[in-house]
Amino acid sequence: MVITHWPPSVHAIHRRIQRDLLTPYFVGSCDDLITKYHPPLWLYGHNHYSDVLMIGSTRLVSNQIGYPSEGGGCGFNSRLVIEI
């Protein structure tokens, strides 16, 4: 399992976030690590949107509550809580 603060790939940028020249400042470029090591799970945050996607055999999960001022609009799913 890998846990990072930022999304590890441009593929993990939520569809509501526009990609532009600032994109590299809030997303990692870890696709080579994902395809080389095939971690089963990669958890990330930072973008204030929840999402689940697959890159190869790696499941990328972002399940964010967000700031109180966001009123729960991040898409948090209580069924995606992972206890370690």
C-alpha atoms as a PDB file:
ATOM      1  CA  MET A   1       0.000   0.000   0.000  1.00  0.00           C
ATOM      2  CA  VAL A   2       1.174   3.526  -0.779  1.00  0.00           C
ATOM      3  CA  ILE A   3      -0.184   6.668   0.859  1.00  0.00           C
ATOM      4  CA  THR A   4       0.558  10.144  -0.508  1.00  0.00           C
ATOM      5  CA  HIS A   5      -0.939  13.542   0.074  1.00  0.00           C
ATOM      6  CA  TRP A   6      -1.215  14.342  -3.638  1.00  0.00           C
ATOM      7  CA  PRO A   7      -2.775  12.401  -6.522  1.00  0.00           C
ATOM      8  CA  PRO A   8      -0.038  10.140  -7.949  1.00  0.00           C
ATOM      9  CA  SER A   9      -0.962  10.503 -11.617  1.00  0.00           C
ATOM     10  CA  VAL A  10      -2.653  12.930 -13.989  1.00  0.00           C
ATOM     11  CA  HIS A  11      -5.175  10.117 -14.506  1.00  0.00           C
ATOM     12  CA  ALA A  12      -6.229  10.624 -10.878  1.00  0.00           C
ATOM     13  CA  ILE A  13      -7.164  14.273 -11.350  1.00  0.00           C
ATOM     14  CA  HIS A  14     -10.870  14.543 -10.705  1.00  0.00           C
ATOM     15  CA  ARG A  15     -12.986  15.343 -13.769  1.00  0.00           C
ATOM     16  CA  ARG A  16     -14.131  18.631 -12.205  1.00  0.00           C
ATOM     17  CA  ILE A  17     -10.560  19.940 -12.015  1.00  0.00           C
ATOM     18  CA  GLN A  18      -9.329  21.637 -15.159  1.00  0.00           C
ATOM     19  CA  ARG A  19      -5.876  20.590 -16.333  1.00  0.00           C
ATOM     20  CA  ASP A  20      -3.632  23.531 -17.098  1.00  0.00           C
ATOM     21  CA  LEU A  21      -0.070  24.815 -16.609  1.00  0.00           C
ATOM     22  CA  LEU A  22      -0.468  24.634 -12.808  1.00  0.00           C
ATOM     23  CA  THR A  23      -1.442  20.944 -12.812  1.00  0.00           C
ATOM     24  CA  PRO A  24       2.126  19.700 -12.072  1.00  0.00           C
ATOM     25  CA  TYR A  25       2.051  21.658  -8.800  1.00  0.00           C
ATOM     26  CA  PHE A  26      -0.693  19.523  -7.248  1.00  0.00           C
ATOM     27  CA  VAL A  27      -0.315  16.081  -8.819  1.00  0.00           C
ATOM     28  CA  GLY A  28       2.529  13.570  -8.791  1.00  0.00           C
ATOM     29  CA  SER A  29       4.039  11.838 -11.762  1.00  0.00           C
ATOM     30  CA  CYS A  30       4.278   8.321 -10.342  1.00  0.00           C
ATOM     31  CA  ASP A  31       2.896   6.305 -13.256  1.00  0.00           C
ATOM     32  CA  ASP A  32       6.269   4.619 -13.732  1.00  0.00           C
ATOM     33  CA  LEU A  33       6.290   3.495 -10.081  1.00  0.00           C
ATOM     34  CA  ILE A  34       2.734   2.193 -10.354  1.00  0.00           C
ATOM     35  CA  THR A  35       3.475   0.160 -13.478  1.00  0.00           C
ATOM     36  CA  LYS A  36       6.823  -1.118 -12.154  1.00  0.00           C
ATOM     37  CA  TYR A  37       5.783  -2.177  -8.626  1.00  0.00           C
ATOM     38  CA  HIS A  38       2.011  -2.742  -8.988  1.00  0.00           C
ATOM     39  CA  PRO A  39       1.045  -1.749  -5.437  1.00  0.00           C
ATOM     40  CA  PRO A  40      -2.432  -3.160  -4.752  1.00  0.00           C
ATOM     41  CA  LEU A  41      -3.665   0.086  -3.194  1.00  0.00           C
ATOM     42  CA  TRP A  42      -2.656   3.765  -3.444  1.00  0.00           C
ATOM     43  CA  LEU A  43      -4.436   6.243  -1.174  1.00  0.00           C
ATOM     44  CA  TYR A  44      -4.227   9.962  -1.831  1.00  0.00           C
ATOM     45  CA  GLY A  45      -5.913  13.273  -1.109  1.00  0.00           C
ATOM     46  CA  HIS A  46      -5.221  16.985  -1.649  1.00  0.00           C
ATOM     47  CA  ASN A  47      -7.680  17.754  -4.454  1.00  0.00           C
ATOM     48  CA  HIS A  48     -10.859  17.827  -2.284  1.00  0.00           C
ATOM     49  CA  TYR A  49     -12.693  15.274  -4.431  1.00  0.00           C
ATOM     50  CA  SER A  50     -13.266  11.599  -3.770  1.00  0.00           C
ATOM     51  CA  ASP A  51     -12.631   9.102  -6.535  1.00  0.00           C
ATOM     52  CA  VAL A  52     -11.736   5.462  -7.194  1.00  0.00           C
ATOM     53  CA  LEU A  53      -9.908   4.301 -10.299  1.00  0.00           C
ATOM     54  CA  MET A  54      -7.559   1.599 -11.528  1.00  0.00           C
ATOM     55  CA  ILE A  55      -4.181   2.000 -13.163  1.00  0.00           C
ATOM     56  CA  GLY A  56      -3.199  -1.487 -14.222  1.00  0.00           C
ATOM     57  CA  SER A  57      -3.732  -3.661 -11.149  1.00  0.00           C
ATOM     58  CA  THR A  58      -3.396  -0.734  -8.712  1.00  0.00           C
ATOM     59  CA  ARG A  59      -6.555   0.638  -7.119  1.00  0.00           C
ATOM     60  CA  LEU A  60      -6.275   4.381  -6.484  1.00  0.00           C
ATOM     61  CA  VAL A  61      -8.627   5.657  -3.786  1.00  0.00           C
ATOM     62  CA  SER A  62      -9.317   9.212  -2.683  1.00  0.00           C
ATOM     63  CA  ASN A  63     -12.066   9.459  -0.063  1.00  0.00           C
ATOM     64  CA  GLN A  64     -12.103  12.992   1.305  1.00  0.00           C
ATOM     65  CA  ILE A  65     -14.357  14.756   3.741  1.00  0.00           C
ATOM     66  CA  GLY A  66     -12.972  18.190   2.868  1.00  0.00           C
ATOM     67  CA  TYR A  67     -13.177  21.421   4.818  1.00  0.00           C
ATOM     68  CA  PRO A  68     -16.309  22.235   6.844  1.00  0.00           C
ATOM     69  CA  SER A  69     -16.952  25.195   4.524  1.00  0.00           C
ATOM     70  CA  GLU A  70     -17.268  22.769   1.594  1.00  0.00           C
ATOM     71  CA  GLY A  71     -20.462  21.361   3.108  1.00  0.00           C
ATOM     72  CA  GLY A  72     -19.643  17.727   2.413  1.00  0.00           C
ATOM     73  CA  GLY A  73     -19.389  18.295  -1.329  1.00  0.00           C
ATOM     74  CA  CYS A  74     -16.216  16.252  -1.736  1.00  0.00           C
ATOM     75  CA  GLY A  75     -18.045  12.965  -2.179  1.00  0.00           C
ATOM     76  CA  PHE A  76     -16.930  11.208   1.009  1.00  0.00           C
ATOM     77  CA  ASN A  77     -18.178   7.613   1.092  1.00  0.00           C
ATOM     78  CA  SER A  78     -18.335   5.995   4.543  1.00  0.00           C
ATOM     79  CA  ARG A  79     -18.217   2.550   2.860  1.00  0.00           C
ATOM     80  CA  LEU A  80     -14.728   3.319   1.519  1.00  0.00           C
ATOM     81  CA  VAL A  81     -13.166   3.854   4.932  1.00  0.00           C
ATOM     82  CA  ILE A  82     -10.113   1.603   5.301  1.00  0.00           C
ATOM     83  CA  GLU A  83      -9.009   0.637   8.779  1.00  0.00           C
ATOM     84  CA  ILE A  84      -5.342  -0.215   9.199  1.00  0.00           C
END
